[in-house]
Protein backbone atom coordinates (compact mmCIF):
# COMPACT_ATOMS: atom_id res chain seq x y z
CA MET A 1 24.97 -4.03 7.54
CA SER A 2 22.24 -3.07 10.00
CA ASP A 3 21.32 0.33 8.52
CA TYR A 4 19.53 0.74 5.20
CA ASP A 5 17.90 3.64 3.42
CA PHE A 6 14.68 1.66 2.93
CA ILE A 7 13.35 -1.41 4.71
CA ILE A 8 10.49 -3.19 2.90
CA VAL A 9 8.45 -5.71 4.88
CA GLY A 10 6.92 -8.30 2.58
CA ALA A 11 8.18 -9.61 -0.78
CA GLY A 12 4.74 -9.91 -2.34
CA SER A 13 3.17 -8.32 -5.40
CA ALA A 14 3.99 -4.74 -4.35
CA GLY A 15 7.09 -5.48 -2.28
CA CYS A 16 8.97 -7.06 -5.20
CA VAL A 17 8.17 -4.02 -7.34
CA LEU A 18 9.47 -1.68 -4.62
CA ALA A 19 12.68 -3.67 -4.16
CA ASN A 20 13.39 -3.41 -7.88
CA ARG A 21 12.50 0.24 -8.39
CA LEU A 22 14.00 1.68 -5.18
CA SER A 23 17.34 -0.03 -5.79
CA ALA A 24 17.50 0.73 -9.52
CA ASN A 25 19.43 4.00 -9.45
CA GLY A 26 22.10 2.66 -7.08
CA ARG A 27 21.81 5.60 -4.70
CA PHE A 28 19.91 3.81 -1.93
CA THR A 29 20.42 0.65 0.07
CA VAL A 30 17.33 -1.53 0.34
CA LEU A 31 16.50 -4.43 2.67
CA LEU A 32 13.59 -6.68 1.71
CA LEU A 33 12.24 -8.88 4.51
CA GLU A 34 10.09 -11.91 3.68
CA ALA A 35 8.64 -14.32 6.25
CA GLY A 36 8.49 -17.13 3.70
CA GLY A 37 11.19 -18.76 1.62
CA SER A 38 12.30 -19.13 -1.98
CA ASP A 39 9.87 -19.36 -4.89
CA LEU A 40 12.10 -21.85 -6.74
CA ASN A 41 9.47 -24.55 -6.53
CA PHE A 42 8.06 -26.59 -9.43
CA TRP A 43 4.49 -26.32 -8.12
CA ILE A 44 4.76 -22.52 -8.00
CA TRP A 45 6.11 -22.14 -11.51
CA MET A 46 3.70 -24.62 -13.16
CA PRO A 47 0.32 -22.84 -13.49
CA ILE A 48 -1.86 -25.79 -12.51
CA GLY A 49 0.44 -26.28 -9.50
CA TYR A 50 -1.83 -23.71 -7.89
CA GLY A 51 -3.77 -26.71 -6.64
CA LYS A 52 -0.69 -28.03 -4.79
CA THR A 53 0.25 -24.74 -3.09
CA PHE A 54 -3.33 -23.96 -2.08
CA TYR A 55 -2.95 -25.86 1.22
CA ARG A 56 0.84 -25.97 1.57
CA PRO A 57 2.04 -24.30 4.81
CA SER A 58 5.62 -23.93 3.54
CA VAL A 59 4.45 -21.26 1.03
CA ASN A 60 1.03 -20.25 2.38
CA TRP A 61 -0.16 -18.45 5.54
CA MET A 62 -3.35 -20.55 5.37
CA TYR A 63 -5.58 -18.10 7.23
CA HIS A 64 -9.08 -18.92 8.43
CA THR A 65 -11.76 -16.37 9.18
CA GLU A 66 -14.03 -16.31 12.17
CA PRO A 67 -17.44 -17.98 11.67
CA ASP A 68 -19.57 -15.70 9.52
CA PRO A 69 -23.24 -15.28 10.53
CA ALA A 70 -24.48 -14.54 7.00
CA LEU A 71 -22.81 -17.71 5.70
CA ASN A 72 -24.61 -19.83 8.30
CA GLY A 73 -21.64 -19.70 10.63
CA ARG A 74 -19.19 -21.08 8.08
CA VAL A 75 -15.47 -20.40 8.40
CA SER A 76 -13.76 -19.23 5.20
CA TYR A 77 -10.30 -20.41 4.23
CA TRP A 78 -8.04 -17.60 3.00
CA PRO A 79 -4.78 -18.69 1.35
CA ARG A 80 -2.14 -15.94 1.26
CA GLY A 81 1.37 -16.29 -0.15
CA LYS A 82 4.17 -16.81 2.37
CA VAL A 83 6.99 -16.95 -0.16
CA LEU A 84 8.92 -14.68 -2.50
CA GLY A 85 6.25 -13.22 -4.78
CA GLY A 86 3.60 -13.43 -2.06
CA SER A 87 0.15 -14.28 -3.32
CA SER A 88 1.27 -13.75 -6.93
CA SER A 89 3.20 -17.02 -6.46
CA ILE A 90 0.13 -19.05 -5.45
CA ASN A 91 -2.84 -17.30 -7.12
CA ALA A 92 -4.89 -18.31 -10.16
CA MET A 93 -2.92 -15.83 -12.34
CA VAL A 94 -5.83 -13.94 -13.95
CA TYR A 95 -4.70 -10.47 -15.06
CA ILE A 96 -7.44 -7.89 -14.59
CA ARG A 97 -6.91 -4.19 -13.85
CA GLY A 98 -10.45 -3.10 -13.02
CA GLN A 99 -12.68 -0.41 -14.48
CA ALA A 100 -11.66 3.19 -15.10
CA GLN A 101 -14.50 4.30 -12.81
CA ASP A 102 -12.94 2.35 -9.93
CA PHE A 103 -9.89 4.59 -9.91
CA ASP A 104 -11.79 7.77 -10.67
CA GLY A 105 -13.80 6.83 -7.60
CA TRP A 106 -10.60 6.55 -5.55
CA GLN A 107 -9.70 10.10 -6.48
CA ALA A 108 -13.23 11.33 -5.74
CA MET A 109 -12.85 9.90 -2.22
CA GLY A 110 -10.11 12.45 -1.56
CA ASN A 111 -7.05 10.78 -3.08
CA PRO A 112 -5.52 13.12 -5.69
CA GLY A 113 -3.30 11.42 -8.25
CA TRP A 114 -5.18 8.10 -8.25
CA SER A 115 -7.62 8.64 -11.14
CA TRP A 116 -7.65 6.27 -14.11
CA ALA A 117 -5.61 8.76 -16.12
CA ASP A 118 -3.04 8.79 -13.32
CA VAL A 119 -2.72 5.02 -12.83
CA LEU A 120 -2.94 3.82 -16.45
CA PRO A 121 0.72 4.75 -17.17
CA TYR A 122 1.80 2.53 -14.27
CA PHE A 123 -0.25 -0.40 -15.53
CA ARG A 124 1.35 0.04 -18.94
CA ARG A 125 4.87 0.47 -17.51
CA SER A 126 4.61 -2.76 -15.53
CA GLU A 127 3.47 -4.96 -18.41
CA THR A 128 4.63 -6.79 -21.50
CA ASN A 129 1.47 -8.06 -23.18
CA ASP A 130 2.02 -10.89 -25.65
CA ARG A 131 -0.43 -9.27 -28.06
CA GLY A 132 1.68 -6.11 -28.18
CA GLY A 133 1.28 -2.65 -26.73
CA ASP A 134 -1.21 0.10 -27.52
CA ALA A 135 -2.82 3.05 -25.77
CA PHE A 136 -3.90 0.72 -22.94
CA ARG A 137 -1.45 -2.19 -22.93
CA GLY A 138 2.27 -2.22 -22.24
CA ASP A 139 4.96 -3.94 -24.31
CA ASN A 140 8.20 -3.33 -22.38
CA GLY A 141 7.51 -4.02 -18.70
CA PRO A 142 8.79 -6.71 -16.33
CA LEU A 143 5.42 -8.47 -15.92
CA HIS A 144 4.61 -10.74 -18.87
CA VAL A 145 0.91 -11.25 -19.57
CA ALA A 146 -0.04 -14.16 -21.81
CA SER A 147 -3.04 -15.07 -23.92
CA MET A 148 -4.06 -18.70 -23.62
CA ASP A 149 -5.97 -18.99 -26.90
CA ARG A 150 -3.96 -21.82 -28.47
CA ASP A 151 -4.51 -24.17 -25.50
CA LEU A 152 -8.03 -23.18 -24.43
CA HIS A 153 -10.68 -25.87 -24.20
CA PRO A 154 -13.14 -25.64 -27.12
CA LEU A 155 -16.08 -25.28 -24.70
CA CYS A 156 -14.90 -21.70 -24.09
CA ARG A 157 -16.32 -20.87 -27.52
CA ASP A 158 -19.70 -22.20 -26.43
CA PHE A 159 -19.62 -20.05 -23.31
CA ILE A 160 -18.86 -16.96 -25.40
CA ALA A 161 -21.63 -17.89 -27.82
CA ALA A 162 -24.07 -18.24 -24.91
CA GLY A 163 -23.09 -14.76 -23.76
CA GLY A 164 -23.83 -13.45 -27.24
CA GLU A 165 -27.27 -15.06 -27.09
CA LEU A 166 -27.89 -12.97 -23.94
CA GLN A 167 -26.68 -9.84 -25.79
CA PHE A 168 -23.34 -9.74 -23.98
CA PRO A 169 -20.70 -8.64 -26.52
CA HIS A 170 -17.55 -10.63 -27.16
CA ASN A 171 -14.63 -8.70 -25.64
CA ARG A 172 -11.17 -9.75 -26.78
CA ASP A 173 -9.37 -7.68 -24.13
CA PHE A 174 -10.85 -7.00 -20.68
CA ASN A 175 -7.95 -4.58 -20.01
CA GLY A 176 -8.44 -2.52 -23.15
CA ALA A 177 -10.79 0.32 -24.01
CA THR A 178 -13.67 -1.30 -22.11
CA GLN A 179 -13.99 -4.15 -19.64
CA GLU A 180 -17.55 -5.06 -20.64
CA GLY A 181 -18.41 -8.32 -22.37
CA VAL A 182 -17.48 -12.00 -22.34
CA GLY A 183 -14.30 -13.61 -23.60
CA THR A 184 -11.16 -15.41 -22.48
CA TYR A 185 -8.82 -14.34 -19.71
CA GLN A 186 -5.14 -13.49 -19.94
CA ASN A 187 -2.73 -14.82 -17.31
CA THR A 188 0.47 -13.59 -15.71
CA ALA A 189 2.64 -16.16 -17.46
CA LYS A 190 5.52 -16.51 -19.89
CA GLY A 191 6.63 -19.63 -21.72
CA GLY A 192 3.97 -21.74 -20.03
CA MET A 193 5.23 -20.83 -16.55
CA ARG A 194 3.87 -18.50 -13.86
CA MET A 195 5.03 -14.90 -13.98
CA SER A 196 4.91 -13.96 -10.30
CA ALA A 197 6.07 -10.59 -9.03
CA ALA A 198 9.21 -12.35 -7.82
CA ARG A 199 9.99 -13.72 -11.28
CA ALA A 200 9.13 -10.42 -12.96
CA TYR A 201 10.73 -7.89 -10.61
CA LEU A 202 12.98 -9.54 -8.04
CA ARG A 203 14.93 -12.37 -9.66
CA PRO A 204 16.45 -10.13 -12.37
CA VAL A 205 17.96 -7.77 -9.74
CA LEU A 206 19.01 -10.11 -6.92
CA ARG A 207 22.69 -9.45 -7.62
CA ARG A 208 22.43 -5.68 -7.09
CA ALA A 209 25.00 -4.72 -4.47
CA ASN A 210 22.60 -2.27 -2.81
CA LEU A 211 19.74 -4.79 -2.41
CA ARG A 212 19.59 -7.42 0.32
CA VAL A 213 16.80 -9.99 0.56
CA GLU A 214 16.24 -11.85 3.83
CA THR A 215 13.88 -14.84 3.67
CA GLY A 216 12.52 -16.64 6.70
CA ALA A 217 12.35 -13.23 8.39
CA LEU A 218 9.14 -12.68 10.36
CA ALA A 219 8.71 -8.99 11.16
CA GLU A 220 7.64 -8.64 14.80
CA ARG A 221 7.27 -4.88 15.12
CA VAL A 222 8.18 -1.54 13.62
CA LEU A 223 10.58 0.44 15.79
CA PHE A 224 9.79 4.07 16.62
CA GLU A 225 11.48 7.10 18.07
CA GLY A 226 8.57 9.23 19.14
CA LYS A 227 6.23 9.43 16.14
CA ARG A 228 8.87 8.43 13.60
CA ALA A 229 9.50 4.90 12.29
CA VAL A 230 13.21 4.17 12.48
CA GLY A 231 13.53 0.42 11.92
CA VAL A 232 12.15 -3.10 12.21
CA ALA A 233 12.61 -5.96 14.64
CA TYR A 234 12.32 -9.38 13.02
CA ARG A 235 12.86 -13.01 13.94
CA ARG A 236 15.03 -15.27 11.82
CA ASN A 237 16.29 -18.73 12.73
CA GLY A 238 15.02 -18.24 16.27
CA GLN A 239 16.92 -14.99 16.82
CA VAL A 240 15.49 -11.47 17.01
CA LYS A 241 17.38 -8.97 14.91
CA THR A 242 16.91 -5.21 14.55
CA VAL A 243 17.65 -3.08 11.51
CA ARG A 244 17.36 0.66 11.11
CA ALA A 245 15.96 2.67 8.20
CA ARG A 246 17.65 5.97 7.44
CA ARG A 247 14.77 7.10 5.25
CA GLU A 248 11.63 4.96 5.45
CA VAL A 249 10.05 1.71 6.59
CA ILE A 250 7.58 0.42 4.00
CA LEU A 251 4.97 -2.21 4.83
CA SER A 252 4.03 -4.44 1.88
CA GLY A 253 2.66 -7.44 3.71
CA GLY A 254 -0.77 -7.31 2.09
CA ALA A 255 -4.27 -6.86 3.43
CA ILE A 256 -3.74 -9.22 6.40
CA ASN A 257 -0.12 -8.82 7.42
CA SER A 258 0.29 -5.06 7.05
CA PRO A 259 -2.52 -4.08 9.47
CA GLN A 260 -1.46 -6.92 11.77
CA LEU A 261 2.11 -5.56 11.95
CA LEU A 262 0.87 -2.02 12.54
CA GLN A 263 -1.28 -3.21 15.44
CA LEU A 264 1.56 -5.29 16.89
CA SER A 265 3.74 -2.17 16.67
CA GLY A 266 1.29 0.01 18.60
CA VAL A 267 -0.41 1.75 15.69
CA GLY A 268 -4.14 1.06 15.54
CA PRO A 269 -7.36 1.29 17.56
CA ALA A 270 -6.22 2.32 21.04
CA ARG A 271 -8.75 0.22 22.97
CA LEU A 272 -7.88 -2.92 21.01
CA LEU A 273 -4.15 -2.43 21.54
CA ARG A 274 -4.51 -1.90 25.27
CA ASP A 275 -6.78 -4.94 25.55
CA LYS A 276 -4.09 -7.05 23.88
CA GLY A 277 -1.26 -5.67 26.01
CA VAL A 278 0.35 -3.60 23.27
CA GLU A 279 1.66 -0.14 24.13
CA VAL A 280 -0.05 2.54 22.04
CA VAL A 281 2.43 4.47 19.92
CA HIS A 282 -0.22 6.20 17.83
CA ALA A 283 -3.99 5.74 17.95
CA LEU A 284 -5.31 5.15 14.44
CA ASP A 285 -8.78 3.64 14.38
CA GLY A 286 -8.80 2.67 10.69
CA VAL A 287 -6.04 0.05 10.99
CA GLY A 288 -7.67 -3.30 10.27
CA ARG A 289 -11.06 -1.79 9.43
CA ASN A 290 -12.88 -1.45 6.07
CA LEU A 291 -12.04 -5.02 5.04
CA GLN A 292 -13.55 -5.87 1.64
CA ASP A 293 -13.54 -9.06 -0.39
CA HIS A 294 -15.29 -10.64 -3.37
CA LEU A 295 -17.81 -13.42 -2.76
CA CYS A 296 -18.66 -15.86 -5.55
CA ILE A 297 -21.33 -18.49 -6.25
CA ASP A 298 -20.64 -21.53 -8.46
CA HIS A 299 -23.14 -23.59 -10.43
CA LEU A 300 -21.99 -27.07 -11.45
CA TYR A 301 -23.17 -28.89 -14.58
CA ARG A 302 -22.81 -32.43 -15.84
CA SER A 303 -21.91 -32.25 -19.53
CA ARG A 304 -23.07 -34.26 -22.53
CA VAL A 305 -19.73 -33.63 -24.25
CA PRO A 306 -16.11 -34.12 -23.14
CA THR A 307 -14.56 -31.53 -20.81
CA LEU A 308 -11.16 -31.26 -19.17
CA ASN A 309 -12.38 -33.92 -16.74
CA THR A 310 -12.23 -36.37 -19.61
CA GLN A 311 -8.58 -35.51 -20.25
CA LEU A 312 -7.29 -35.20 -16.70
CA HIS A 313 -9.22 -37.79 -14.66
CA PRO A 314 -7.77 -41.04 -16.14
CA TRP A 315 -4.24 -41.96 -15.03
CA TYR A 316 -3.06 -42.08 -18.63
CA GLY A 317 -4.48 -38.59 -19.20
CA LYS A 318 -2.52 -37.25 -16.26
CA LEU A 319 0.62 -38.95 -17.55
CA TRP A 320 0.19 -37.69 -21.11
CA HIS A 321 -0.52 -34.09 -20.17
CA GLY A 322 2.22 -34.12 -17.54
CA LEU A 323 4.74 -35.24 -20.15
CA ARG A 324 3.36 -32.76 -22.65
CA TYR A 325 3.80 -29.92 -20.17
CA VAL A 326 7.33 -30.93 -19.16
CA LEU A 327 8.45 -31.27 -22.79
CA THR A 328 6.59 -28.39 -24.44
CA ARG A 329 5.12 -26.11 -21.71
CA ARG A 330 1.82 -26.54 -23.53
CA GLY A 331 -1.59 -28.03 -22.84
CA PRO A 332 -4.07 -27.69 -19.96
CA LEU A 333 -1.36 -27.78 -17.28
CA SER A 334 0.06 -24.53 -18.72
CA LEU A 335 -3.21 -22.69 -18.03
CA GLY A 336 -4.90 -21.30 -14.96
CA VAL A 337 -8.14 -22.71 -13.62
CA ASN A 338 -10.38 -20.01 -15.11
CA GLN A 339 -10.17 -19.98 -18.88
CA ALA A 340 -13.11 -17.75 -19.88
CA GLY A 341 -15.46 -15.29 -18.25
CA GLY A 342 -16.41 -11.67 -18.47
CA PHE A 343 -17.89 -8.55 -16.97
CA VAL A 344 -21.57 -7.87 -17.54
CA ARG A 345 -24.57 -5.96 -16.21
CA SER A 346 -26.95 -8.23 -14.36
CA ARG A 347 -29.94 -5.90 -14.80
CA PRO A 348 -31.01 -2.98 -16.98
CA GLY A 349 -30.31 0.59 -15.93
CA LEU A 350 -26.72 0.11 -14.71
CA ASP A 351 -24.07 2.44 -16.08
CA ARG A 352 -21.32 -0.22 -16.03
CA PRO A 353 -20.78 -3.95 -15.40
CA ASN A 354 -21.49 -5.12 -11.86
CA MET A 355 -20.84 -8.85 -12.24
CA GLN A 356 -17.72 -10.87 -13.05
CA LEU A 357 -18.22 -14.27 -14.65
CA PHE A 358 -15.94 -17.31 -14.70
CA PHE A 359 -16.18 -20.37 -16.93
CA SER A 360 -14.12 -23.45 -16.07
CA PRO A 361 -14.36 -26.49 -18.39
CA VAL A 362 -13.63 -28.76 -15.41
CA SER A 363 -15.39 -29.76 -12.18
CA TYR A 364 -14.60 -31.08 -8.69
CA THR A 365 -17.51 -32.30 -6.60
CA LYS A 366 -15.71 -34.44 -4.03
CA ALA A 367 -12.59 -32.54 -3.06
CA PRO A 368 -11.44 -33.98 0.29
CA PRO A 369 -10.88 -31.53 3.15
CA GLY A 370 -7.59 -29.68 2.81
CA LYS A 371 -7.18 -30.63 -0.85
CA ARG A 372 -7.66 -28.74 -4.13
CA PRO A 373 -7.26 -31.60 -6.60
CA LEU A 374 -6.85 -29.67 -9.86
CA MET A 375 -5.11 -32.70 -11.40
CA ASP A 376 -7.87 -35.07 -10.28
CA PRO A 377 -11.27 -33.80 -11.43
CA ASP A 378 -14.60 -35.59 -11.45
CA PRO A 379 -14.80 -38.97 -13.25
CA PHE A 380 -17.61 -37.64 -15.47
CA PRO A 381 -17.58 -34.66 -17.88
CA GLY A 382 -18.59 -31.45 -16.12
CA PHE A 383 -18.02 -27.71 -15.99
CA LEU A 384 -18.53 -24.73 -13.72
CA LEU A 385 -20.17 -21.35 -14.19
CA SER A 386 -19.48 -18.72 -11.52
CA ALA A 387 -20.70 -15.21 -10.75
CA GLN A 388 -19.03 -12.63 -8.51
CA PRO A 389 -20.54 -9.21 -7.76
CA THR A 390 -17.73 -6.77 -8.38
CA ARG A 391 -18.31 -3.97 -5.86
CA PRO A 392 -19.70 -5.30 -2.54
CA THR A 393 -20.76 -2.84 0.16
CA SER A 394 -20.22 -5.14 3.17
CA ARG A 395 -17.28 -4.17 5.38
CA GLY A 396 -15.40 -6.41 7.77
CA HIS A 397 -12.37 -6.02 10.02
CA LEU A 398 -9.39 -7.88 11.43
CA GLU A 399 -7.56 -7.57 14.72
CA ILE A 400 -4.67 -9.12 16.56
CA ARG A 401 -5.57 -11.75 19.15
CA SER A 402 -2.51 -10.97 21.29
CA GLY A 403 0.89 -9.34 21.14
CA ASP A 404 2.40 -12.52 19.66
CA PRO A 405 3.54 -11.89 16.05
CA ALA A 406 3.25 -15.60 15.23
CA GLU A 407 -0.45 -15.78 16.12
CA HIS A 408 -2.84 -15.30 13.23
CA PRO A 409 -5.21 -12.35 13.56
CA ALA A 410 -8.95 -12.71 13.96
CA ILE A 411 -10.54 -12.05 10.56
CA HIS A 412 -14.20 -11.00 10.38
CA PRO A 413 -15.22 -10.69 6.68
CA ASN A 414 -18.83 -9.73 7.49
CA TYR A 415 -19.98 -11.07 4.12
CA LEU A 416 -23.53 -10.32 2.87
CA SER A 417 -24.15 -7.89 5.72
CA THR A 418 -25.98 -5.44 3.45
CA GLU A 419 -29.21 -5.94 1.53
CA PHE A 420 -27.45 -4.64 -1.58
CA ASP A 421 -24.89 -7.46 -1.44
CA ARG A 422 -27.55 -10.11 -0.87
CA GLN A 423 -29.52 -8.90 -3.89
CA GLU A 424 -26.41 -8.70 -6.07
CA LEU A 425 -25.44 -12.29 -5.30
CA LEU A 426 -29.02 -13.40 -5.95
CA GLU A 427 -28.88 -11.66 -9.32
CA GLY A 428 -25.61 -13.47 -9.99
CA ALA A 429 -27.31 -16.82 -9.35
CA HIS A 430 -30.20 -15.93 -11.68
CA LEU A 431 -27.69 -14.82 -14.31
CA LEU A 432 -25.95 -18.20 -14.21
CA ARG A 433 -29.29 -19.88 -14.79
CA ARG A 434 -29.92 -17.60 -17.79
CA LEU A 435 -26.50 -18.45 -19.23
CA ALA A 436 -27.08 -22.16 -18.77
CA ALA A 437 -30.46 -21.86 -20.54
CA ALA A 438 -28.94 -20.09 -23.56
CA PRO A 439 -28.97 -22.51 -26.52
CA ALA A 440 -25.19 -22.62 -26.93
CA LEU A 441 -24.77 -24.04 -23.42
CA ALA A 442 -28.15 -25.72 -22.93
CA ARG A 443 -27.37 -28.24 -25.67
CA LEU A 444 -24.24 -29.31 -23.72
CA ILE A 445 -25.86 -29.73 -20.31
CA GLU A 446 -27.07 -33.12 -19.18
CA ALA A 447 -28.01 -31.89 -15.69
CA GLU A 448 -27.50 -29.07 -13.22
CA MET A 449 -25.85 -30.75 -10.25
CA LEU A 450 -25.49 -27.73 -7.96
CA PRO A 451 -27.55 -26.02 -6.72
CA GLY A 452 -29.86 -28.47 -8.49
CA PRO A 453 -33.23 -28.20 -10.24
CA ASP A 454 -35.19 -28.18 -6.96
CA VAL A 455 -33.67 -24.84 -5.96
CA ARG A 456 -35.87 -22.32 -7.78
CA SER A 457 -37.26 -19.48 -5.66
CA ASP A 458 -35.34 -16.40 -4.56
CA GLU A 459 -35.45 -17.65 -0.99
CA GLU A 460 -34.01 -21.02 -2.00
CA LEU A 461 -31.27 -19.40 -4.09
CA ILE A 462 -30.28 -17.06 -1.25
CA ALA A 463 -30.20 -20.04 1.10
CA ASP A 464 -27.92 -21.82 -1.37
CA CYS A 465 -25.63 -18.77 -1.46
CA ARG A 466 -25.43 -18.74 2.33
CA ASN A 467 -24.56 -22.45 2.27
CA ARG A 468 -22.06 -22.48 -0.59
CA ALA A 469 -20.83 -19.02 -1.66
CA GLY A 470 -17.12 -18.55 -1.13
CA THR A 471 -14.34 -16.03 -1.30
CA VAL A 472 -12.37 -15.43 -4.49
CA PHE A 473 -9.41 -14.41 -2.30
CA HIS A 474 -9.36 -10.64 -2.94
CA PRO A 475 -9.08 -9.04 0.53
CA VAL A 476 -8.23 -5.33 0.44
CA SER A 477 -8.65 -1.96 2.20
CA THR A 478 -7.51 -2.76 5.76
CA CYS A 479 -5.05 0.18 5.64
CA ARG A 480 -7.35 2.30 3.54
CA MET A 481 -6.05 5.35 1.69
CA GLY A 482 -7.94 8.55 2.38
CA PRO A 483 -7.66 12.09 3.80
CA ASP A 484 -9.42 11.51 7.13
CA ALA A 485 -7.07 10.31 9.88
CA ALA A 486 -10.10 9.45 12.01
CA ARG A 487 -11.12 6.72 9.54
CA ASP A 488 -8.29 6.19 7.05
CA VAL A 489 -4.76 4.85 7.53
CA VAL A 490 -2.59 6.36 4.80
CA ASP A 491 -2.76 9.58 2.80
CA ALA A 492 -2.68 9.85 -0.99
CA ARG A 493 1.11 9.42 -0.92
CA LEU A 494 0.70 6.25 1.12
CA ARG A 495 2.22 7.79 4.28
CA VAL A 496 0.70 6.53 7.53
CA HIS A 497 -1.33 9.33 9.12
CA GLY A 498 0.45 10.81 12.14
CA ILE A 499 3.69 8.82 11.72
CA ALA A 500 6.84 9.99 9.91
CA GLY A 501 9.01 7.63 7.89
CA LEU A 502 6.34 4.94 7.51
CA ARG A 503 4.28 3.96 4.46
CA VAL A 504 2.03 1.13 3.43
CA VAL A 505 2.27 0.07 -0.21
CA ASP A 506 0.10 -2.92 -1.08
CA ALA A 507 -3.53 -3.93 -1.67
CA SER A 508 -4.48 -2.95 1.88
CA ILE A 509 -4.47 0.72 0.80
CA PHE A 510 -7.21 0.30 -1.83
CA PRO A 511 -10.01 2.73 -0.89
CA THR A 512 -12.49 0.27 -2.43
CA LEU A 513 -12.33 -3.08 -4.16
CA THR A 514 -11.55 -2.91 -7.85
CA SER A 515 -13.96 -4.55 -10.30
CA GLY A 516 -12.19 -7.87 -10.73
CA ASN A 517 -9.04 -9.69 -9.68
CA THR A 518 -6.71 -7.65 -7.46
CA ASN A 519 -3.18 -8.75 -8.36
CA ALA A 520 -2.66 -6.37 -11.30
CA PRO A 521 -3.77 -3.28 -9.31
CA ALA A 522 -1.57 -4.37 -6.37
CA ILE A 523 1.43 -4.37 -8.72
CA MET A 524 0.34 -0.96 -10.03
CA VAL A 525 0.29 0.34 -6.43
CA GLY A 526 3.87 -0.89 -6.06
CA GLU A 527 4.93 0.95 -9.21
CA LYS A 528 3.21 4.21 -8.26
CA GLY A 529 4.29 3.93 -4.63
CA ALA A 530 7.93 3.55 -5.69
CA ASP A 531 7.71 6.68 -7.81
CA MET A 532 6.23 8.70 -4.94
CA ILE A 533 8.89 7.49 -2.51
CA LEU A 534 11.68 8.44 -4.92
CA GLU A 535 10.08 11.82 -5.60
CA ASP A 536 9.75 12.56 -1.90
CA CYS A 537 13.43 11.88 -1.30
CA GLY A 538 14.52 13.99 -4.25
CA ALA A 539 15.34 11.15 -6.63
CA GLY A 540 12.27 11.23 -8.84
CA GLY A 541 12.23 11.44 -12.60
């Protein structure tokens, strides 16, 4: 078959949702194209295997940014999933929706139907929470969300106690009535194994007669007739194939690949396209612009008491916990890397939390280049505290380097380009120092190793941020949703401005970054996008 009702490009967090929902009623044929391969990989399904896939080109695009002036010319490494499930197959699994005000803000920017009241039903529909459902949480959705309480390291209690000493309340559920407070994270997991979008949405429906999944299929361009998208050209096993869409082409490649494919297809900033030898199909300046990402600073402490380092560094500890995981799906290997954290206000006068915290009862000071040795931590007890401002105002961009679909785009994050962002990260560093000085944690700390006791002044802390702060891998907004075709890429129904039969449904459409991890809202966008597509072709409800 070379004609389908819907062609979806990208089997990531949103693409897997779309493939499931658009094929569910049996009325439409759906083709799902994925550049990567199968997710049936032990290191994907085991949560701590995140460290193995972090630098593995068989499942990871392994992007690098351009040197960033505000980070002293450093290049940032951006892992992105190149596999069924996309980045949900290689991420750290933390399930966070964001704050209600994030989505109310989306609607206020000219996107009707995207308020918190509008999106909450989709969050609930997608989820089965192991603590049960309520007005905020779902209990019958494909995506299983797990508490980690029974296997958490006991130092998490000390972190929560330190938060209480700073008047930060203990919050048992960051996705409930309020996000504010400190507590432990929930993960996208079930039975001690990763619950990627592929496991949740795609694997249960692979046998549907009206759904075809092509892996190893690199989309090279969208095909147009005039200003209508009619198909996709893709390369598989060295051959270029073309397929046609009777109804719509849907891009779900994520914040890097979706704008890249639009630009390769002739939809984007006209001057850029001409400079790269790409024929302009439709000039749309917003494609690849408005790039946003979270930047985080870590402080590393040597501990007086045992941490996960003590369990996982010795060879016999690795062996014991490896056997324990294989036999029981329990223990530290069944968890993600961030066990506790929270959302707090770094200064008085704020109307909502502006800072995300992470607590990891493990440390890595000598990771060799190209390695993320989560199974081989430091030989001494240590732990990490991290702070991430939730709503940065810096905006970057990405652009194709040429008309070659296999060439990675040039990514310019433009981190810390506003005074607001510099001050927020500085406040985050001061907040980590306050947490470490709280009695519950201070009694555990033998020494601050990074940034170290000699780094005290604001100027020294900012310099440390420029030298060490890093991405938390949450790029969004490069195909921003909004009403203004001069600046935005898709409208409130995710249709590309000025082009018929073409939508973008993934994290690239976020008008702004959400306050926290981005995987859960990307899955929500897939759920809501599927409903809108079905409604628009008369199959809603």
